[in-house]
């Protein structure tokens, strides 16, 4: 069976789990037949993901604990029935 190699973009999607089950099976089967592509997988996996990069950064500011706690207390005090009545 002559399989077409996955593109760089397909490998990235595969690593992120953003492929259909059929695509996942096809790419997995191709990779089993071509273990030399592991370098491509490492390269694709090391590509920058802006969301993950942002999450890895420390916050730009330290929220004041008292203000944070006050906001959390207010959020916890909201009742769903009050929200439904307003809509």
PDB file of N, CA and C in Angstrom:
ATOM      1  N   UNK A   1       0.852  -1.167   0.000  1.00  0.00           N
ATOM      2  CA  UNK A   1       0.000   0.000   0.000  1.00  0.00           C
ATOM      3  C   UNK A   1       0.899   1.232   0.000  1.00  0.00           C
ATOM      4  N   UNK A   2       0.653   2.165  -0.913  1.00  0.00           N
ATOM      5  CA  UNK A   2       1.439   3.382  -1.046  1.00  0.00           C
ATOM      6  C   UNK A   2       0.744   4.509  -0.300  1.00  0.00           C
ATOM      7  N   UNK A   3       1.282   4.874   0.851  1.00  0.00           N
ATOM      8  CA  UNK A   3       0.693   5.938   1.661  1.00  0.00           C
ATOM      9  C   UNK A   3       1.415   7.247   1.395  1.00  0.00           C
ATOM     10  N   UNK A   4       0.658   8.335   1.445  1.00  0.00           N
ATOM     11  CA  UNK A   4       1.221   9.670   1.276  1.00  0.00           C
ATOM     12  C   UNK A   4       1.721  10.143   2.635  1.00  0.00           C
ATOM     13  N   UNK A   5       2.937  10.679   2.678  1.00  0.00           N
ATOM     14  CA  UNK A   5       3.446  11.139   3.969  1.00  0.00           C
ATOM     15  C   UNK A   5       2.641  12.323   4.494  1.00  0.00           C
ATOM     16  N   UNK A   6       2.455  12.390   5.804  1.00  0.00           N
ATOM     17  CA  UNK A   6       1.720  13.526   6.372  1.00  0.00           C
ATOM     18  C   UNK A   6       2.535  14.807   6.234  1.00  0.00           C
ATOM     19  N   UNK A   7       1.845  15.916   6.052  1.00  0.00           N
ATOM     20  CA  UNK A   7       2.513  17.211   5.972  1.00  0.00           C
ATOM     21  C   UNK A   7       2.929  17.648   7.374  1.00  0.00           C
ATOM     22  N   UNK A   8       3.741  18.683   7.429  1.00  0.00           N
ATOM     23  CA  UNK A   8       4.159  19.248   8.707  1.00  0.00           C
ATOM     24  C   UNK A   8       2.934  19.690   9.506  1.00  0.00           C
ATOM     25  N   UNK A   9       1.983  20.322   8.830  1.00  0.00           N
ATOM     26  CA  UNK A   9       0.767  20.791   9.502  1.00  0.00           C
ATOM     27  C   UNK A   9      -0.060  19.623  10.035  1.00  0.00           C
ATOM     28  N   UNK A  10      -0.119  18.538   9.271  1.00  0.00           N
ATOM     29  CA  UNK A  10      -0.851  17.357   9.730  1.00  0.00           C
ATOM     30  C   UNK A  10      -0.173  16.737  10.950  1.00  0.00           C
ATOM     31  N   UNK A  11       1.154  16.734  10.955  1.00  0.00           N
ATOM     32  CA  UNK A  11       1.877  16.211  12.118  1.00  0.00           C
ATOM     33  C   UNK A  11       1.609  17.061  13.355  1.00  0.00           C
ATOM     34  N   UNK A  12       1.586  18.381  13.186  1.00  0.00           N
ATOM     35  CA  UNK A  12       1.283  19.261  14.312  1.00  0.00           C
ATOM     36  C   UNK A  12      -0.118  18.977  14.838  1.00  0.00           C
ATOM     37  N   UNK A  13      -1.088  18.884  13.941  1.00  0.00           N
ATOM     38  CA  UNK A  13      -2.461  18.597  14.347  1.00  0.00           C
ATOM     39  C   UNK A  13      -2.543  17.237  15.029  1.00  0.00           C
ATOM     40  N   UNK A  14      -1.818  16.270  14.522  1.00  0.00           N
ATOM     41  CA  UNK A  14      -1.779  14.924  15.103  1.00  0.00           C
ATOM     42  C   UNK A  14      -1.248  14.971  16.537  1.00  0.00           C
ATOM     43  N   UNK A  15      -0.163  15.715  16.737  1.00  0.00           N
ATOM     44  CA  UNK A  15       0.432  15.819  18.074  1.00  0.00           C
ATOM     45  C   UNK A  15      -0.494  16.524  19.059  1.00  0.00           C
ATOM     46  N   UNK A  16      -1.306  17.456  18.554  1.00  0.00           N
ATOM     47  CA  UNK A  16      -2.243  18.179  19.418  1.00  0.00           C
ATOM     48  C   UNK A  16      -3.570  17.446  19.585  1.00  0.00           C
ATOM     49  N   UNK A  17      -3.737  16.351  18.863  1.00  0.00           N
ATOM     50  CA  UNK A  17      -5.000  15.610  18.942  1.00  0.00           C
ATOM     51  C   UNK A  17      -6.111  16.271  18.151  1.00  0.00           C
ATOM     52  N   UNK A  18      -5.743  17.075  17.163  1.00  0.00           N
ATOM     53  CA  UNK A  18      -6.727  17.800  16.362  1.00  0.00           C
ATOM     54  C   UNK A  18      -6.945  17.160  15.001  1.00  0.00           C
ATOM     55  N   UNK A  19      -7.033  15.851  14.987  1.00  0.00           N
ATOM     56  CA  UNK A  19      -7.317  15.123  13.751  1.00  0.00           C
ATOM     57  C   UNK A  19      -8.470  14.156  14.019  1.00  0.00           C
ATOM     58  N   UNK A  20      -9.120  13.784  12.958  1.00  0.00           N
ATOM     59  CA  UNK A  20     -10.219  12.832  13.092  1.00  0.00           C
ATOM     60  C   UNK A  20      -9.645  11.456  13.443  1.00  0.00           C
ATOM     61  N   UNK A  21     -10.479  10.568  13.963  1.00  0.00           N
ATOM     62  CA  UNK A  21      -9.980   9.212  14.253  1.00  0.00           C
ATOM     63  C   UNK A  21      -9.389   8.528  13.019  1.00  0.00           C
ATOM     64  N   UNK A  22      -9.981   8.783  11.875  1.00  0.00           N
ATOM     65  CA  UNK A  22      -9.470   8.185  10.629  1.00  0.00           C
ATOM     66  C   UNK A  22      -8.082   8.742  10.285  1.00  0.00           C
ATOM     67  N   UNK A  23      -7.931  10.079  10.410  1.00  0.00           N
ATOM     68  CA  UNK A  23      -6.623  10.691  10.151  1.00  0.00           C
ATOM     69  C   UNK A  23      -5.589  10.206  11.156  1.00  0.00           C
ATOM     70  N   UNK A  24      -6.000  10.080  12.412  1.00  0.00           N
ATOM     71  CA  UNK A  24      -5.088   9.604  13.450  1.00  0.00           C
ATOM     72  C   UNK A  24      -4.584   8.206  13.116  1.00  0.00           C
ATOM     73  N   UNK A  25      -5.486   7.333  12.698  1.00  0.00           N
ATOM     74  CA  UNK A  25      -5.096   5.968  12.353  1.00  0.00           C
ATOM     75  C   UNK A  25      -4.152   5.954  11.154  1.00  0.00           C
ATOM     76  N   UNK A  26      -4.447   6.786  10.154  1.00  0.00           N
ATOM     77  CA  UNK A  26      -3.611   6.820   8.950  1.00  0.00           C
ATOM     78  C   UNK A  26      -2.214   7.348   9.275  1.00  0.00           C
ATOM     79  N   UNK A  27      -2.142   8.416  10.058  1.00  0.00           N
ATOM     80  CA  UNK A  27      -0.836   8.978  10.403  1.00  0.00           C
ATOM     81  C   UNK A  27      -0.060   8.015  11.296  1.00  0.00           C
ATOM     82  N   UNK A  28      -0.734   7.399  12.253  1.00  0.00           N
ATOM     83  CA  UNK A  28      -0.071   6.421  13.122  1.00  0.00           C
ATOM     84  C   UNK A  28       0.492   5.267  12.313  1.00  0.00           C
ATOM     85  N   UNK A  29      -0.286   4.771  11.369  1.00  0.00           N
ATOM     86  CA  UNK A  29       0.173   3.661  10.528  1.00  0.00           C
ATOM     87  C   UNK A  29       1.382   4.079   9.699  1.00  0.00           C
ATOM     88  N   UNK A  30       1.341   5.281   9.161  1.00  0.00           N
ATOM     89  CA  UNK A  30       2.470   5.777   8.370  1.00  0.00           C
ATOM     90  C   UNK A  30       3.722   5.891   9.239  1.00  0.00           C
ATOM     91  N   UNK A  31       3.557   6.431  10.445  1.00  0.00           N
ATOM     92  CA  UNK A  31       4.710   6.603  11.333  1.00  0.00           C
ATOM     93  C   UNK A  31       5.293   5.265  11.777  1.00  0.00           C
ATOM     94  N   UNK A  32       4.461   4.250  11.920  1.00  0.00           N
ATOM     95  CA  UNK A  32       4.965   2.922  12.275  1.00  0.00           C
ATOM     96  C   UNK A  32       5.831   2.354  11.152  1.00  0.00           C
ATOM     97  N   UNK A  33       5.453   2.653   9.907  1.00  0.00           N
ATOM     98  CA  UNK A  33       6.221   2.170   8.762  1.00  0.00           C
ATOM     99  C   UNK A  33       7.477   3.001   8.508  1.00  0.00           C
ATOM    100  N   UNK A  34       7.516   4.219   9.057  1.00  0.00           N
ATOM    101  CA  UNK A  34       8.626   5.142   8.801  1.00  0.00           C
ATOM    102  C   UNK A  34       9.137   5.740  10.115  1.00  0.00           C
ATOM    103  N   UNK A  35       9.791   4.927  10.944  1.00  0.00           N
ATOM    104  CA  UNK A  35      10.268   5.419  12.241  1.00  0.00           C
ATOM    105  C   UNK A  35      11.297   6.540  12.103  1.00  0.00           C
ATOM    106  N   UNK A  36      11.894   6.674  10.935  1.00  0.00           N
ATOM    107  CA  UNK A  36      12.870   7.747  10.727  1.00  0.00           C
ATOM    108  C   UNK A  36      12.231   9.134  10.801  1.00  0.00           C
ATOM    109  N   UNK A  37      10.913   9.195  10.805  1.00  0.00           N
ATOM    110  CA  UNK A  37      10.213  10.478  10.891  1.00  0.00           C
ATOM    111  C   UNK A  37      10.130  11.003  12.319  1.00  0.00           C
ATOM    112  N   UNK A  38      10.732  10.317  13.256  1.00  0.00           N
ATOM    113  CA  UNK A  38      10.656  10.783  14.642  1.00  0.00           C
ATOM    114  C   UNK A  38      11.245  12.181  14.782  1.00  0.00           C
ATOM    115  N   UNK A  39      12.255  12.506  13.972  1.00  0.00           N
ATOM    116  CA  UNK A  39      12.834  13.857  14.007  1.00  0.00           C
ATOM    117  C   UNK A  39      11.792  14.889  13.584  1.00  0.00           C
ATOM    118  N   UNK A  40      10.958  14.537  12.603  1.00  0.00           N
ATOM    119  CA  UNK A  40       9.891  15.449  12.173  1.00  0.00           C
ATOM    120  C   UNK A  40       8.876  15.653  13.279  1.00  0.00           C
ATOM    121  N   UNK A  41       8.595  14.584  14.024  1.00  0.00           N
ATOM    122  CA  UNK A  41       7.658  14.701  15.135  1.00  0.00           C
ATOM    123  C   UNK A  41       8.212  15.608  16.220  1.00  0.00           C
ATOM    124  N   UNK A  42       9.486  15.445  16.531  1.00  0.00           N
ATOM    125  CA  UNK A  42      10.113  16.289  17.551  1.00  0.00           C
ATOM    126  C   UNK A  42      10.096  17.739  17.101  1.00  0.00           C
ATOM    127  N   UNK A  43      10.402  17.981  15.844  1.00  0.00           N
ATOM    128  CA  UNK A  43      10.405  19.356  15.321  1.00  0.00           C
ATOM    129  C   UNK A  43       9.003  19.938  15.355  1.00  0.00           C
ATOM    130  N   UNK A  44       8.016  19.164  14.960  1.00  0.00           N
ATOM    131  CA  UNK A  44       6.637  19.654  14.962  1.00  0.00           C
ATOM    132  C   UNK A  44       6.160  19.918  16.374  1.00  0.00           C
ATOM    133  N   UNK A  45       6.567  19.067  17.307  1.00  0.00           N
ATOM    134  CA  UNK A  45       6.142  19.225  18.698  1.00  0.00           C
ATOM    135  C   UNK A  45       6.810  20.421  19.364  1.00  0.00           C
ATOM    136  N   UNK A  46       7.984  20.808  18.862  1.00  0.00           N
ATOM    137  CA  UNK A  46       8.690  21.916  19.479  1.00  0.00           C
ATOM    138  C   UNK A  46       8.278  23.270  18.913  1.00  0.00           C
ATOM    139  N   UNK A  47       7.395  23.271  17.925  1.00  0.00           N
ATOM    140  CA  UNK A  47       6.925  24.532  17.368  1.00  0.00           C
ATOM    141  C   UNK A  47       6.202  25.319  18.450  1.00  0.00           C
ATOM    142  N   UNK A  48       6.293  26.611  18.370  1.00  0.00           N
ATOM    143  CA  UNK A  48       5.702  27.491  19.375  1.00  0.00           C
ATOM    144  C   UNK A  48       4.182  27.410  19.343  1.00  0.00           C
ATOM    145  N   UNK A  49       3.592  27.277  20.492  1.00  0.00           N
ATOM    146  CA  UNK A  49       2.143  27.319  20.672  1.00  0.00           C
ATOM    147  C   UNK A  49       1.866  28.545  21.528  1.00  0.00           C
ATOM    148  N   UNK A  50       1.269  29.574  20.957  1.00  0.00           N
ATOM    149  CA  UNK A  50       1.132  30.851  21.661  1.00  0.00           C
ATOM    150  C   UNK A  50       0.354  30.714  22.967  1.00  0.00           C
ATOM    151  N   UNK A  51      -0.669  29.873  23.016  1.00  0.00           N
ATOM    152  CA  UNK A  51      -1.421  29.699  24.251  1.00  0.00           C
ATOM    153  C   UNK A  51      -0.528  29.096  25.334  1.00  0.00           C
ATOM    154  N   UNK A  52       0.187  28.041  24.992  1.00  0.00           N
ATOM    155  CA  UNK A  52       1.071  27.414  25.977  1.00  0.00           C
ATOM    156  C   UNK A  52       2.187  28.363  26.389  1.00  0.00           C
ATOM    157  N   UNK A  53       2.712  29.127  25.442  1.00  0.00           N
ATOM    158  CA  UNK A  53       3.744  30.100  25.784  1.00  0.00           C
ATOM    159  C   UNK A  53       3.210  31.122  26.785  1.00  0.00           C
ATOM    160  N   UNK A  54       1.996  31.608  26.550  1.00  0.00           N
ATOM    161  CA  UNK A  54       1.396  32.579  27.465  1.00  0.00           C
ATOM    162  C   UNK A  54       1.164  31.986  28.846  1.00  0.00           C
ATOM    163  N   UNK A  55       0.714  30.738  28.898  1.00  0.00           N
ATOM    164  CA  UNK A  55       0.439  30.099  30.178  1.00  0.00           C
ATOM    165  C   UNK A  55       1.715  29.839  30.975  1.00  0.00           C
ATOM    166  N   UNK A  56       2.816  29.677  30.278  1.00  0.00           N
ATOM    167  CA  UNK A  56       4.091  29.413  30.957  1.00  0.00           C
ATOM    168  C   UNK A  56       4.705  30.678  31.546  1.00  0.00           C
ATOM    169  N   UNK A  57       4.254  31.842  31.093  1.00  0.00           N
ATOM    170  CA  UNK A  57       4.816  33.108  31.569  1.00  0.00           C
ATOM    171  C   UNK A  57       4.227  33.466  32.932  1.00  0.00           C
ATOM    172  N   UNK A  58       5.022  34.096  33.781  1.00  0.00           N
ATOM    173  CA  UNK A  58       4.459  34.557  35.064  1.00  0.00           C
ATOM    174  C   UNK A  58       3.465  35.684  34.800  1.00  0.00           C
ATOM    175  N   UNK A  59       2.517  35.880  35.691  1.00  0.00           N
ATOM    176  CA  UNK A  59       1.557  36.964  35.483  1.00  0.00           C
ATOM    177  C   UNK A  59       2.277  38.307  35.429  1.00  0.00           C
ATOM    178  N   UNK A  60       1.713  39.224  34.660  1.00  0.00           N
ATOM    179  CA  UNK A  60       2.328  40.539  34.515  1.00  0.00           C
ATOM    180  C   UNK A  60       2.185  41.371  35.773  1.00  0.00           C
ATOM    181  N   UNK A  61       1.262  41.005  36.626  1.00  0.00           N
ATOM    182  CA  UNK A  61       1.060  41.744  37.866  1.00  0.00           C
ATOM    183  C   UNK A  61       0.647  40.771  38.949  1.00  0.00           C
ATOM    184  N   UNK A  62       0.861  41.147  40.156  1.00  0.00           N
ATOM    185  CA  UNK A  62       0.432  40.350  41.304  1.00  0.00           C
ATOM    186  C   UNK A  62      -0.864  40.960  41.826  1.00  0.00           C
ATOM    187  N   UNK A  63      -1.969  40.269  41.734  1.00  0.00           N
ATOM    188  CA  UNK A  63      -3.210  40.849  42.257  1.00  0.00           C
ATOM    189  C   UNK A  63      -3.119  40.992  43.772  1.00  0.00           C
ATOM    190  N   UNK A  64      -3.678  42.066  44.245  1.00  0.00           N
ATOM    191  CA  UNK A  64      -3.683  42.266  45.691  1.00  0.00           C
ATOM    192  C   UNK A  64      -4.588  41.214  46.310  1.00  0.00           C
ATOM    193  N   UNK A  65      -4.089  40.556  47.306  1.00  0.00           N
ATOM    194  CA  UNK A  65      -4.811  39.442  47.920  1.00  0.00           C
ATOM    195  C   UNK A  65      -6.188  39.864  48.428  1.00  0.00           C
ATOM    196  N   UNK A  66      -6.285  41.007  49.080  1.00  0.00           N
ATOM    197  CA  UNK A  66      -7.568  41.440  49.635  1.00  0.00           C
ATOM    198  C   UNK A  66      -8.580  41.698  48.525  1.00  0.00           C
ATOM    199  N   UNK A  67      -8.141  42.348  47.458  1.00  0.00           N
ATOM    200  CA  UNK A  67      -9.039  42.638  46.331  1.00  0.00           C
ATOM    201  C   UNK A  67      -9.474  41.330  45.675  1.00  0.00           C
ATOM    202  N   UNK A  68      -8.535  40.417  45.513  1.00  0.00           N
ATOM    203  CA  UNK A  68      -8.837  39.112  44.930  1.00  0.00           C
ATOM    204  C   UNK A  68      -9.851  38.361  45.785  1.00  0.00           C
ATOM    205  N   UNK A  69      -9.621  38.304  47.063  1.00  0.00           N
ATOM    206  CA  UNK A  69     -10.523  37.591  47.966  1.00  0.00           C
ATOM    207  C   UNK A  69     -11.905  38.232  47.961  1.00  0.00           C
ATOM    208  N   UNK A  70     -11.977  39.554  47.922  1.00  0.00           N
ATOM    209  CA  UNK A  70     -13.262  40.237  47.882  1.00  0.00           C
ATOM    210  C   UNK A  70     -14.013  39.879  46.597  1.00  0.00           C
ATOM    211  N   UNK A  71     -13.316  39.873  45.477  1.00  0.00           N
ATOM    212  CA  UNK A  71     -13.937  39.504  44.207  1.00  0.00           C
ATOM    213  C   UNK A  71     -14.434  38.073  44.213  1.00  0.00           C
ATOM    214  N   UNK A  72     -13.645  37.186  44.771  1.00  0.00           N
ATOM    215  CA  UNK A  72     -14.058  35.782  44.859  1.00  0.00           C
ATOM    216  C   UNK A  72     -15.283  35.630  45.756  1.00  0.00           C
ATOM    217  N   UNK A  73     -15.336  36.345  46.851  1.00  0.00           N
ATOM    218  CA  UNK A  73     -16.490  36.278  47.751  1.00  0.00           C
ATOM    219  C   UNK A  73     -17.745  36.784  47.036  1.00  0.00           C
ATOM    220  N   UNK A  74     -17.600  37.855  46.261  1.00  0.00           N
ATOM    221  CA  UNK A  74     -18.747  38.374  45.516  1.00  0.00           C
ATOM    222  C   UNK A  74     -19.210  37.364  44.467  1.00  0.00           C
ATOM    223  N   UNK A  75     -18.268  36.746  43.782  1.00  0.00           N
ATOM    224  CA  UNK A  75     -18.625  35.756  42.772  1.00  0.00           C
ATOM    225  C   UNK A  75     -19.337  34.564  43.400  1.00  0.00           C
ATOM    226  N   UNK A  76     -18.874  34.131  44.557  1.00  0.00           N
ATOM    227  CA  UNK A  76     -19.501  32.989  45.227  1.00  0.00           C
ATOM    228  C   UNK A  76     -20.897  33.322  45.747  1.00  0.00           C
ATOM    229  N   UNK A  77     -21.156  34.594  46.013  1.00  0.00           N
ATOM    230  CA  UNK A  77     -22.451  34.960  46.582  1.00  0.00           C
ATOM    231  C   UNK A  77     -23.551  35.095  45.522  1.00  0.00           C
ATOM    232  N   UNK A  78     -23.175  35.101  44.250  1.00  0.00           N
ATOM    233  CA  UNK A  78     -24.173  35.227  43.187  1.00  0.00           C
ATOM    234  C   UNK A  78     -24.965  33.931  43.103  1.00  0.00           C
ATOM    235  N   UNK A  79     -26.258  34.071  43.108  1.00  0.00           N
ATOM    236  CA  UNK A  79     -27.127  32.899  43.013  1.00  0.00           C
ATOM    237  C   UNK A  79     -27.680  32.821  41.600  1.00  0.00           C
ATOM    238  N   UNK A  80     -27.794  31.619  41.086  1.00  0.00           N
ATOM    239  CA  UNK A  80     -28.283  31.425  39.721  1.00  0.00           C
ATOM    240  C   UNK A  80     -29.703  31.965  39.545  1.00  0.00           C
ATOM    241  N   UNK A  81     -30.536  31.820  40.538  1.00  0.00           N
ATOM    242  CA  UNK A  81     -31.908  32.289  40.385  1.00  0.00           C
ATOM    243  C   UNK A  81     -31.940  33.813  40.241  1.00  0.00           C
ATOM    244  N   UNK A  82     -30.997  34.530  40.856  1.00  0.00           N
ATOM    245  CA  UNK A  82     -30.931  35.972  40.705  1.00  0.00           C
ATOM    246  C   UNK A  82     -30.558  36.346  39.258  1.00  0.00           C
ATOM    247  N   UNK A  83     -29.630  35.610  38.683  1.00  0.00           N
ATOM    248  CA  UNK A  83     -29.219  35.865  37.312  1.00  0.00           C
ATOM    249  C   UNK A  83     -30.371  35.577  36.362  1.00  0.00           C
ATOM    250  N   UNK A  84     -31.064  34.484  36.579  1.00  0.00           N
ATOM    251  CA  UNK A  84     -32.185  34.117  35.699  1.00  0.00           C
ATOM    252  C   UNK A  84     -33.295  35.164  35.757  1.00  0.00           C
ATOM    253  N   UNK A  85     -33.534  35.743  36.924  1.00  0.00           N
ATOM    254  CA  UNK A  85     -34.593  36.744  37.074  1.00  0.00           C
ATOM    255  C   UNK A  85     -34.237  38.019  36.321  1.00  0.00           C
ATOM    256  N   UNK A  86     -32.957  38.333  36.214  1.00  0.00           N
ATOM    257  CA  UNK A  86     -32.533  39.545  35.530  1.00  0.00           C
ATOM    258  C   UNK A  86     -32.670  39.399  34.025  1.00  0.00           C
ATOM    259  N   UNK A  87     -32.612  38.212  33.518  1.00  0.00           N
ATOM    260  CA  UNK A  87     -32.691  37.992  32.067  1.00  0.00           C
ATOM    261  C   UNK A  87     -34.098  37.897  31.693  1.00  0.00           C
TER     262      UNK A  87
END
